[in-house]
C-alpha atoms as a PDB file:
ATOM      1  CA  UNK A   1      -0.313  11.889  10.222  1.00  0.00           C
ATOM      2  CA  UNK A   2      -1.540  12.972   6.600  1.00  0.00           C
ATOM      3  CA  UNK A   3      -2.260   9.814   4.347  1.00  0.00           C
ATOM      4  CA  UNK A   4      -2.352  10.671   0.569  1.00  0.00           C
ATOM      5  CA  UNK A   5      -3.337   8.289  -1.656  1.00  0.00           C
ATOM      6  CA  UNK A   6      -0.856   8.634  -4.571  1.00  0.00           C
ATOM      7  CA  UNK A   7      -1.618   5.118  -6.753  1.00  0.00           C
ATOM      8  CA  UNK A   8      -5.055   3.589  -5.936  1.00  0.00           C
ATOM      9  CA  UNK A   9      -5.482   0.967  -8.433  1.00  0.00           C
ATOM     10  CA  UNK A  10      -5.019  -2.181  -8.560  1.00  0.00           C
ATOM     11  CA  UNK A  11      -2.392  -4.126 -11.445  1.00  0.00           C
ATOM     12  CA  UNK A  12      -2.626  -1.742 -15.099  1.00  0.00           C
ATOM     13  CA  UNK A  13      -3.013   1.993 -14.959  1.00  0.00           C
ATOM     14  CA  UNK A  14      -5.281   3.697 -15.925  1.00  0.00           C
ATOM     15  CA  UNK A  15      -6.104   7.445 -17.240  1.00  0.00           C
ATOM     16  CA  UNK A  16      -8.044   8.107 -13.244  1.00  0.00           C
ATOM     17  CA  UNK A  17      -5.594   6.051 -11.206  1.00  0.00           C
ATOM     18  CA  UNK A  18      -2.027   4.889 -10.937  1.00  0.00           C
ATOM     19  CA  UNK A  19      -1.099   1.273  -9.680  1.00  0.00           C
ATOM     20  CA  UNK A  20      -1.077   1.506  -5.471  1.00  0.00           C
ATOM     21  CA  UNK A  21       1.666   3.325  -3.398  1.00  0.00           C
ATOM     22  CA  UNK A  22       0.311   5.342  -0.801  1.00  0.00           C
ATOM     23  CA  UNK A  23       2.306   8.362   1.554  1.00  0.00           C
ATOM     24  CA  UNK A  24       2.464   9.110   5.047  1.00  0.00           C
ATOM     25  CA  UNK A  25       3.938  12.124   6.594  1.00  0.00           C
ATOM     26  CA  UNK A  26       4.016  11.199  10.804  1.00  0.00           C
ATOM     27  CA  UNK A  27       5.342  14.714  11.733  1.00  0.00           C
ATOM     28  CA  UNK A  28       8.762  12.879  12.474  1.00  0.00           C
ATOM     29  CA  UNK A  29       9.220  10.307   9.142  1.00  0.00           C
ATOM     30  CA  UNK A  30       8.324  10.048   6.053  1.00  0.00           C
ATOM     31  CA  UNK A  31       6.541   6.653   4.818  1.00  0.00           C
ATOM     32  CA  UNK A  32       6.151   4.761   1.501  1.00  0.00           C
ATOM     33  CA  UNK A  33       3.491   1.906   0.900  1.00  0.00           C
ATOM     34  CA  UNK A  34       4.082   0.086  -1.840  1.00  0.00           C
ATOM     35  CA  UNK A  35       5.610   2.067  -5.075  1.00  0.00           C
ATOM     36  CA  UNK A  36       3.590   1.485  -8.332  1.00  0.00           C
ATOM     37  CA  UNK A  37       2.924   3.834 -10.719  1.00  0.00           C
ATOM     38  CA  UNK A  38       1.389   5.856  -8.689  1.00  0.00           C
ATOM     39  CA  UNK A  39       4.810   7.247  -6.580  1.00  0.00           C
ATOM     40  CA  UNK A  40       4.779   9.676 -10.624  1.00  0.00           C
ATOM     41  CA  UNK A  41       2.880  11.431  -8.531  1.00  0.00           C
ATOM     42  CA  UNK A  42       5.329  12.882  -5.984  1.00  0.00           C
ATOM     43  CA  UNK A  43       6.083  15.831  -8.574  1.00  0.00           C
ATOM     44  CA  UNK A  44       3.611  17.062  -6.494  1.00  0.00           C
ATOM     45  CA  UNK A  45       4.961  16.646  -3.036  1.00  0.00           C
ATOM     46  CA  UNK A  46       8.474  17.984  -3.233  1.00  0.00           C
ATOM     47  CA  UNK A  47       7.836  20.311  -0.706  1.00  0.00           C
ATOM     48  CA  UNK A  48       7.120  17.260   1.573  1.00  0.00           C
ATOM     49  CA  UNK A  49       9.465  15.554   0.641  1.00  0.00           C
ATOM     50  CA  UNK A  50      12.445  18.209   1.554  1.00  0.00           C
ATOM     51  CA  UNK A  51      11.284  18.255   4.574  1.00  0.00           C
ATOM     52  CA  UNK A  52      12.937  14.608   4.658  1.00  0.00           C
ATOM     53  CA  UNK A  53      16.410  13.310   4.772  1.00  0.00           C
ATOM     54  CA  UNK A  54      15.412  10.254   5.040  1.00  0.00           C
ATOM     55  CA  UNK A  55      12.362   7.995   3.212  1.00  0.00           C
ATOM     56  CA  UNK A  56      10.849   4.945   4.155  1.00  0.00           C
ATOM     57  CA  UNK A  57       9.590   2.411   1.496  1.00  0.00           C
ATOM     58  CA  UNK A  58       6.982  -0.418   3.103  1.00  0.00           C
ATOM     59  CA  UNK A  59       6.302  -3.104   0.796  1.00  0.00           C
ATOM     60  CA  UNK A  60       3.719  -5.765   1.005  1.00  0.00           C
ATOM     61  CA  UNK A  61       4.986  -7.715  -1.293  1.00  0.00           C
ATOM     62  CA  UNK A  62       6.703  -8.089  -4.713  1.00  0.00           C
ATOM     63  CA  UNK A  63       4.820  -8.444  -7.761  1.00  0.00           C
ATOM     64  CA  UNK A  64       4.902  -5.857 -10.427  1.00  0.00           C
ATOM     65  CA  UNK A  65       2.274  -3.476 -10.190  1.00  0.00           C
ATOM     66  CA  UNK A  66       3.822  -2.654  -6.565  1.00  0.00           C
ATOM     67  CA  UNK A  67       7.865  -2.038  -6.940  1.00  0.00           C
ATOM     68  CA  UNK A  68       7.922  -0.900 -10.697  1.00  0.00           C
ATOM     69  CA  UNK A  69       7.973   3.351  -9.300  1.00  0.00           C
ATOM     70  CA  UNK A  70      11.175   2.066  -6.939  1.00  0.00           C
ATOM     71  CA  UNK A  71      13.002   2.989 -10.726  1.00  0.00           C
ATOM     72  CA  UNK A  72      11.672   6.179 -10.364  1.00  0.00           C
ATOM     73  CA  UNK A  73      11.873   7.683  -7.128  1.00  0.00           C
ATOM     74  CA  UNK A  74      15.273   8.148  -7.900  1.00  0.00           C
ATOM     75  CA  UNK A  75      14.314  11.597  -9.906  1.00  0.00           C
ATOM     76  CA  UNK A  76      13.195  12.704  -6.043  1.00  0.00           C
ATOM     77  CA  UNK A  77      14.923  10.988  -3.623  1.00  0.00           C
ATOM     78  CA  UNK A  78      19.206  10.998  -5.243  1.00  0.00           C
ATOM     79  CA  UNK A  79      20.322  13.384  -1.782  1.00  0.00           C
ATOM     80  CA  UNK A  80      18.630  11.130   0.806  1.00  0.00           C
ATOM     81  CA  UNK A  81      18.324   7.879   2.414  1.00  0.00           C
ATOM     82  CA  UNK A  82      15.737   5.633   1.692  1.00  0.00           C
ATOM     83  CA  UNK A  83      15.526   2.501   3.598  1.00  0.00           C
ATOM     84  CA  UNK A  84      13.199  -0.468   2.391  1.00  0.00           C
ATOM     85  CA  UNK A  85      11.182  -3.339   3.970  1.00  0.00           C
ATOM     86  CA  UNK A  86       9.535  -6.213   2.957  1.00  0.00           C
ATOM     87  CA  UNK A  87       9.346  -9.713   4.224  1.00  0.00           C
ATOM     88  CA  UNK A  88      12.389 -11.288   3.428  1.00  0.00           C
ATOM     89  CA  UNK A  89      14.404 -14.889   4.426  1.00  0.00           C
ATOM     90  CA  UNK A  90      11.850 -15.338   6.858  1.00  0.00           C
ATOM     91  CA  UNK A  91       8.312 -15.388   5.814  1.00  0.00           C
ATOM     92  CA  UNK A  92       9.333 -16.140   1.752  1.00  0.00           C
ATOM     93  CA  UNK A  93      12.884 -17.492   1.944  1.00  0.00           C
ATOM     94  CA  UNK A  94      13.996 -15.339   0.354  1.00  0.00           C
ATOM     95  CA  UNK A  95      15.548 -11.248   1.459  1.00  0.00           C
ATOM     96  CA  UNK A  96      14.494  -8.518   0.327  1.00  0.00           C
ATOM     97  CA  UNK A  97      17.715  -7.053  -0.594  1.00  0.00           C
ATOM     98  CA  UNK A  98      18.140  -9.750  -3.128  1.00  0.00           C
ATOM     99  CA  UNK A  99      14.931  -9.794  -4.766  1.00  0.00           C
ATOM    100  CA  UNK A 100      14.925  -5.591  -5.457  1.00  0.00           C
ATOM    101  CA  UNK A 101      18.400  -5.751  -6.758  1.00  0.00           C
ATOM    102  CA  UNK A 102      17.334  -8.725  -9.001  1.00  0.00           C
ATOM    103  CA  UNK A 103      14.386  -6.513  -9.910  1.00  0.00           C
ATOM    104  CA  UNK A 104      16.334  -3.465  -9.851  1.00  0.00           C
ATOM    105  CA  UNK A 105      20.017  -3.515 -12.124  1.00  0.00           C
ATOM    106  CA  UNK A 106      21.497  -3.895 -15.353  1.00  0.00           C
ATOM    107  CA  UNK A 107      21.093  -3.805 -17.803  1.00  0.00           C
ATOM    108  CA  UNK A 108      17.353  -2.873 -16.825  1.00  0.00           C
ATOM    109  CA  UNK A 109      18.373  -0.366 -15.294  1.00  0.00           C
ATOM    110  CA  UNK A 110      20.976   1.244 -12.731  1.00  0.00           C
ATOM    111  CA  UNK A 111      22.137  -0.410 -10.008  1.00  0.00           C
ATOM    112  CA  UNK A 112      18.688  -0.447  -6.854  1.00  0.00           C
ATOM    113  CA  UNK A 113      21.289   1.327  -4.912  1.00  0.00           C
ATOM    114  CA  UNK A 114      22.466   3.985  -6.191  1.00  0.00           C
ATOM    115  CA  UNK A 115      18.788   5.384  -6.081  1.00  0.00           C
ATOM    116  CA  UNK A 116      18.968   7.770  -3.654  1.00  0.00           C
ATOM    117  CA  UNK A 117      22.072   9.054  -1.089  1.00  0.00           C
ATOM    118  CA  UNK A 118      22.112   5.904   0.959  1.00  0.00           C
ATOM    119  CA  UNK A 119      20.542   2.623   0.413  1.00  0.00           C
ATOM    120  CA  UNK A 120      19.337  -0.174   3.281  1.00  0.00           C
ATOM    121  CA  UNK A 121      17.181  -3.001   2.998  1.00  0.00           C
ATOM    122  CA  UNK A 122      15.396  -4.527   5.946  1.00  0.00           C
ATOM    123  CA  UNK A 123      13.471  -7.813   6.423  1.00  0.00           C
ATOM    124  CA  UNK A 124      11.110  -7.855   7.990  1.00  0.00           C
ATOM    125  CA  UNK A 125       8.232 -11.001   9.745  1.00  0.00           C
ATOM    126  CA  UNK A 126       5.634 -11.142  12.076  1.00  0.00           C
ATOM    127  CA  UNK A 127       6.852  -9.299  14.765  1.00  0.00           C
ATOM    128  CA  UNK A 128       6.626  -5.895  12.747  1.00  0.00           C
ATOM    129  CA  UNK A 129       9.156  -3.161  13.814  1.00  0.00           C
ATOM    130  CA  UNK A 130       9.796   0.396  14.411  1.00  0.00           C
ATOM    131  CA  UNK A 131       9.875   3.304  12.533  1.00  0.00           C
ATOM    132  CA  UNK A 132      10.824   6.311  15.028  1.00  0.00           C
ATOM    133  CA  UNK A 133       7.819   6.502  17.238  1.00  0.00           C
ATOM    134  CA  UNK A 134       5.510   4.535  15.281  1.00  0.00           C
ATOM    135  CA  UNK A 135       4.878   0.694  15.286  1.00  0.00           C
ATOM    136  CA  UNK A 136       4.792  -1.441  12.342  1.00  0.00           C
ATOM    137  CA  UNK A 137       2.982  -4.889  12.933  1.00  0.00           C
ATOM    138  CA  UNK A 138       2.723  -6.808  10.049  1.00  0.00           C
ATOM    139  CA  UNK A 139      -0.559  -9.495   9.683  1.00  0.00           C
ATOM    140  CA  UNK A 140      -0.542 -12.750   6.952  1.00  0.00           C
ATOM    141  CA  UNK A 141      -2.782 -11.978   4.627  1.00  0.00           C
ATOM    142  CA  UNK A 142      -4.383 -14.888   1.510  1.00  0.00           C
ATOM    143  CA  UNK A 143      -3.042 -13.773  -1.772  1.00  0.00           C
ATOM    144  CA  UNK A 144      -0.968 -15.596  -4.628  1.00  0.00           C
ATOM    145  CA  UNK A 145       2.946 -15.766  -3.555  1.00  0.00           C
ATOM    146  CA  UNK A 146       2.162 -14.296   0.105  1.00  0.00           C
ATOM    147  CA  UNK A 147       1.013 -10.431   0.949  1.00  0.00           C
ATOM    148  CA  UNK A 148       1.337  -9.294   4.124  1.00  0.00           C
ATOM    149  CA  UNK A 149      -1.253  -6.529   5.020  1.00  0.00           C
ATOM    150  CA  UNK A 150       0.479  -3.050   7.256  1.00  0.00           C
ATOM    151  CA  UNK A 151      -0.267  -1.157  10.168  1.00  0.00           C
ATOM    152  CA  UNK A 152       0.165   1.717  11.077  1.00  0.00           C
ATOM    153  CA  UNK A 153       0.522   2.431  14.416  1.00  0.00           C
ATOM    154  CA  UNK A 154      -3.200   3.295  15.571  1.00  0.00           C
ATOM    155  CA  UNK A 155      -4.057   5.292  12.139  1.00  0.00           C
ATOM    156  CA  UNK A 156      -3.945   2.629   9.539  1.00  0.00           C
ATOM    157  CA  UNK A 157      -4.340  -1.037   8.533  1.00  0.00           C
ATOM    158  CA  UNK A 158      -3.037  -0.887   4.633  1.00  0.00           C
ATOM    159  CA  UNK A 159      -4.865  -4.599   3.310  1.00  0.00           C
ATOM    160  CA  UNK A 160      -3.827  -4.477  -0.161  1.00  0.00           C
ATOM    161  CA  UNK A 161      -3.912  -7.587  -2.571  1.00  0.00           C
ATOM    162  CA  UNK A 162      -5.976 -10.346  -0.273  1.00  0.00           C
ATOM    163  CA  UNK A 163      -8.773 -12.918  -0.488  1.00  0.00           C
ATOM    164  CA  UNK A 164     -11.473 -12.471   1.494  1.00  0.00           C
ATOM    165  CA  UNK A 165      -9.487 -12.257   5.501  1.00  0.00           C
ATOM    166  CA  UNK A 166     -10.917 -12.053   9.082  1.00  0.00           C
ATOM    167  CA  UNK A 167      -7.746 -11.339  10.762  1.00  0.00           C
ATOM    168  CA  UNK A 168      -7.374  -8.434   8.323  1.00  0.00           C
ATOM    169  CA  UNK A 169      -9.966  -6.821  10.263  1.00  0.00           C
ATOM    170  CA  UNK A 170     -10.102  -7.891  13.361  1.00  0.00           C
ATOM    171  CA  UNK A 171      -6.374  -5.968  12.609  1.00  0.00           C
ATOM    172  CA  UNK A 172      -8.032  -3.270  11.508  1.00  0.00           C
ATOM    173  CA  UNK A 173     -10.509  -2.756  14.500  1.00  0.00           C
ATOM    174  CA  UNK A 174      -8.920  -0.713  16.906  1.00  0.00           C
ATOM    175  CA  UNK A 175      -7.399   1.714  13.884  1.00  0.00           C
ATOM    176  CA  UNK A 176      -9.430   4.976  11.951  1.00  0.00           C
ATOM    177  CA  UNK A 177      -8.360   3.256   8.194  1.00  0.00           C
ATOM    178  CA  UNK A 178      -8.445   0.099   6.510  1.00  0.00           C
ATOM    179  CA  UNK A 179      -7.702   0.663   3.046  1.00  0.00           C
ATOM    180  CA  UNK A 180      -8.922  -2.846   1.795  1.00  0.00           C
ATOM    181  CA  UNK A 181      -8.250  -4.590  -1.951  1.00  0.00           C
ATOM    182  CA  UNK A 182     -11.539  -4.112  -3.457  1.00  0.00           C
ATOM    183  CA  UNK A 183     -11.433  -5.704  -7.096  1.00  0.00           C
ATOM    184  CA  UNK A 184     -15.096  -7.528  -7.451  1.00  0.00           C
ATOM    185  CA  UNK A 185     -18.866  -6.278  -6.555  1.00  0.00           C
ATOM    186  CA  UNK A 186     -20.021 -10.184  -5.244  1.00  0.00           C
ATOM    187  CA  UNK A 187     -17.753 -12.562  -3.820  1.00  0.00           C
ATOM    188  CA  UNK A 188     -16.654 -15.288  -6.441  1.00  0.00           C
ATOM    189  CA  UNK A 189     -14.524 -17.223  -3.920  1.00  0.00           C
ATOM    190  CA  UNK A 190     -11.092 -15.747  -4.873  1.00  0.00           C
ATOM    191  CA  UNK A 191      -7.864 -17.021  -3.023  1.00  0.00           C
ATOM    192  CA  UNK A 192      -5.791 -13.321  -4.179  1.00  0.00           C
ATOM    193  CA  UNK A 193      -8.822 -10.364  -3.812  1.00  0.00           C
ATOM    194  CA  UNK A 194     -11.811  -9.375  -1.994  1.00  0.00           C
ATOM    195  CA  UNK A 195     -14.995  -7.961  -3.201  1.00  0.00           C
ATOM    196  CA  UNK A 196     -17.352  -4.884  -1.725  1.00  0.00           C
ATOM    197  CA  UNK A 197     -20.420  -7.953  -0.854  1.00  0.00           C
ATOM    198  CA  UNK A 198     -17.322  -8.987   1.526  1.00  0.00           C
ATOM    199  CA  UNK A 199     -15.362  -5.744   3.028  1.00  0.00           C
ATOM    200  CA  UNK A 200     -19.622  -4.604   4.124  1.00  0.00           C
ATOM    201  CA  UNK A 201     -20.169  -8.146   5.580  1.00  0.00           C
ATOM    202  CA  UNK A 202     -17.062  -8.274   7.781  1.00  0.00           C
ATOM    203  CA  UNK A 203     -17.060  -3.998   8.739  1.00  0.00           C
ATOM    204  CA  UNK A 204     -20.202  -4.344   9.897  1.00  0.00           C
ATOM    205  CA  UNK A 205     -18.991  -7.155  12.319  1.00  0.00           C
ATOM    206  CA  UNK A 206     -16.151  -5.957  13.360  1.00  0.00           C
ATOM    207  CA  UNK A 207     -17.164  -2.722  13.632  1.00  0.00           C
ATOM    208  CA  UNK A 208     -14.076  -0.663  12.334  1.00  0.00           C
ATOM    209  CA  UNK A 209     -14.201   3.354  12.307  1.00  0.00           C
ATOM    210  CA  UNK A 210     -13.757   3.685   8.696  1.00  0.00           C
ATOM    211  CA  UNK A 211     -12.955   1.251   6.107  1.00  0.00           C
ATOM    212  CA  UNK A 212     -10.996   2.577   2.094  1.00  0.00           C
ATOM    213  CA  UNK A 213     -11.203   0.858  -0.940  1.00  0.00           C
ATOM    214  CA  UNK A 214      -8.193   0.638  -2.728  1.00  0.00           C
ATOM    215  CA  UNK A 215      -6.457  -2.250  -5.212  1.00  0.00           C
ATOM    216  CA  UNK A 216      -9.876  -1.343  -6.753  1.00  0.00           C
ATOM    217  CA  UNK A 217     -10.472  -3.037 -10.289  1.00  0.00           C
ATOM    218  CA  UNK A 218      -8.480  -1.354 -13.736  1.00  0.00           C
ATOM    219  CA  UNK A 219     -11.296  -3.021 -16.325  1.00  0.00           C
ATOM    220  CA  UNK A 220     -14.355  -1.723 -14.327  1.00  0.00           C
ATOM    221  CA  UNK A 221     -16.588   0.903 -16.785  1.00  0.00           C
ATOM    222  CA  UNK A 222     -18.232   3.818 -15.624  1.00  0.00           C
ATOM    223  CA  UNK A 223     -21.348   2.121 -14.959  1.00  0.00           C
ATOM    224  CA  UNK A 224     -20.029  -0.408 -12.040  1.00  0.00           C
ATOM    225  CA  UNK A 225     -18.333   3.013 -10.279  1.00  0.00           C
ATOM    226  CA  UNK A 226     -21.909   4.323 -10.152  1.00  0.00           C
ATOM    227  CA  UNK A 227     -23.554   1.035  -8.418  1.00  0.00           C
ATOM    228  CA  UNK A 228     -19.611   1.469  -6.275  1.00  0.00           C
ATOM    229  CA  UNK A 229     -20.738   4.325  -4.999  1.00  0.00           C
ATOM    230  CA  UNK A 230     -24.504   4.161  -4.669  1.00  0.00           C
ATOM    231  CA  UNK A 231     -23.781   0.509  -3.110  1.00  0.00           C
ATOM    232  CA  UNK A 232     -21.406   2.519   0.204  1.00  0.00           C
ATOM    233  CA  UNK A 233     -23.408   5.962   0.001  1.00  0.00           C
ATOM    234  CA  UNK A 234     -25.581   4.325   2.775  1.00  0.00           C
ATOM    235  CA  UNK A 235     -22.672   3.700   4.501  1.00  0.00           C
ATOM    236  CA  UNK A 236     -21.188   6.685   5.796  1.00  0.00           C
ATOM    237  CA  UNK A 237     -18.036   4.150   7.098  1.00  0.00           C
ATOM    238  CA  UNK A 238     -16.808   3.251   3.606  1.00  0.00           C
ATOM    239  CA  UNK A 239     -15.217   5.473   0.769  1.00  0.00           C
ATOM    240  CA  UNK A 240     -13.669   4.876  -3.088  1.00  0.00           C
ATOM    241  CA  UNK A 241     -11.025   6.361  -2.644  1.00  0.00           C
ATOM    242  CA  UNK A 242      -9.473   8.721  -5.942  1.00  0.00           C
ATOM    243  CA  UNK A 243      -5.602   9.093  -6.314  1.00  0.00           C
ATOM    244  CA  UNK A 244      -4.718  12.131  -4.591  1.00  0.00           C
ATOM    245  CA  UNK A 245      -7.799  11.879  -2.008  1.00  0.00           C
ATOM    246  CA  UNK A 246      -6.456  12.933   1.517  1.00  0.00           C
ATOM    247  CA  UNK A 247      -6.730  11.139   4.304  1.00  0.00           C
ATOM    248  CA  UNK A 248      -6.367  13.147   8.278  1.00  0.00           C
ATOM    249  CA  UNK A 249      -5.570  12.783  11.625  1.00  0.00           C
END
């Protein structure tokens, strides 16, 4: 299992960080979690893409910084089947296909059905679903407009755009890596995002094996980043995720 951070930043892309996009090579399937601007880095992974005839894209939610890159993917996926999974009627009272075809359609862009050889849309719910031999579990999160945590087998729990939730850490207790939203240094009682202090506290309490800080604040300055890295340097189980960082399991 290889997990590649194509985009580890939040909201606004910067010179160092594109927005949320994570590429997973299971050896059997190719999975992409969210298609933020980080998907533009796929150009560096063409050999990996060429190993697969299908691409599975799973969305945590539909905010623009997490879906905008879908209009880029045709550059590498024209000949591939694209399966798009997202929260649908059972969770948000609107189908994934309806949302994505509204987003990608003339006059704003070509039809979403044109980005691949064939495009399939699958609404997910809290029962999760299967991709090949990998079980995908879905967890409710706390975020404006709703967002969902995604567990990929026993390897990864992806928790972007969420306020502090013990349920997230319970879901991640038995996986090898938790990728978690980190928007502030200290708890500010946000209903949308999580602080580093929150993460440190719950990581210790739930004994999550490893945590990667993602969806980080684009307004942080060098001094902020240095402070964060110094804070977690003594905690070998927490890492600050950079674009194109690779995790192998």
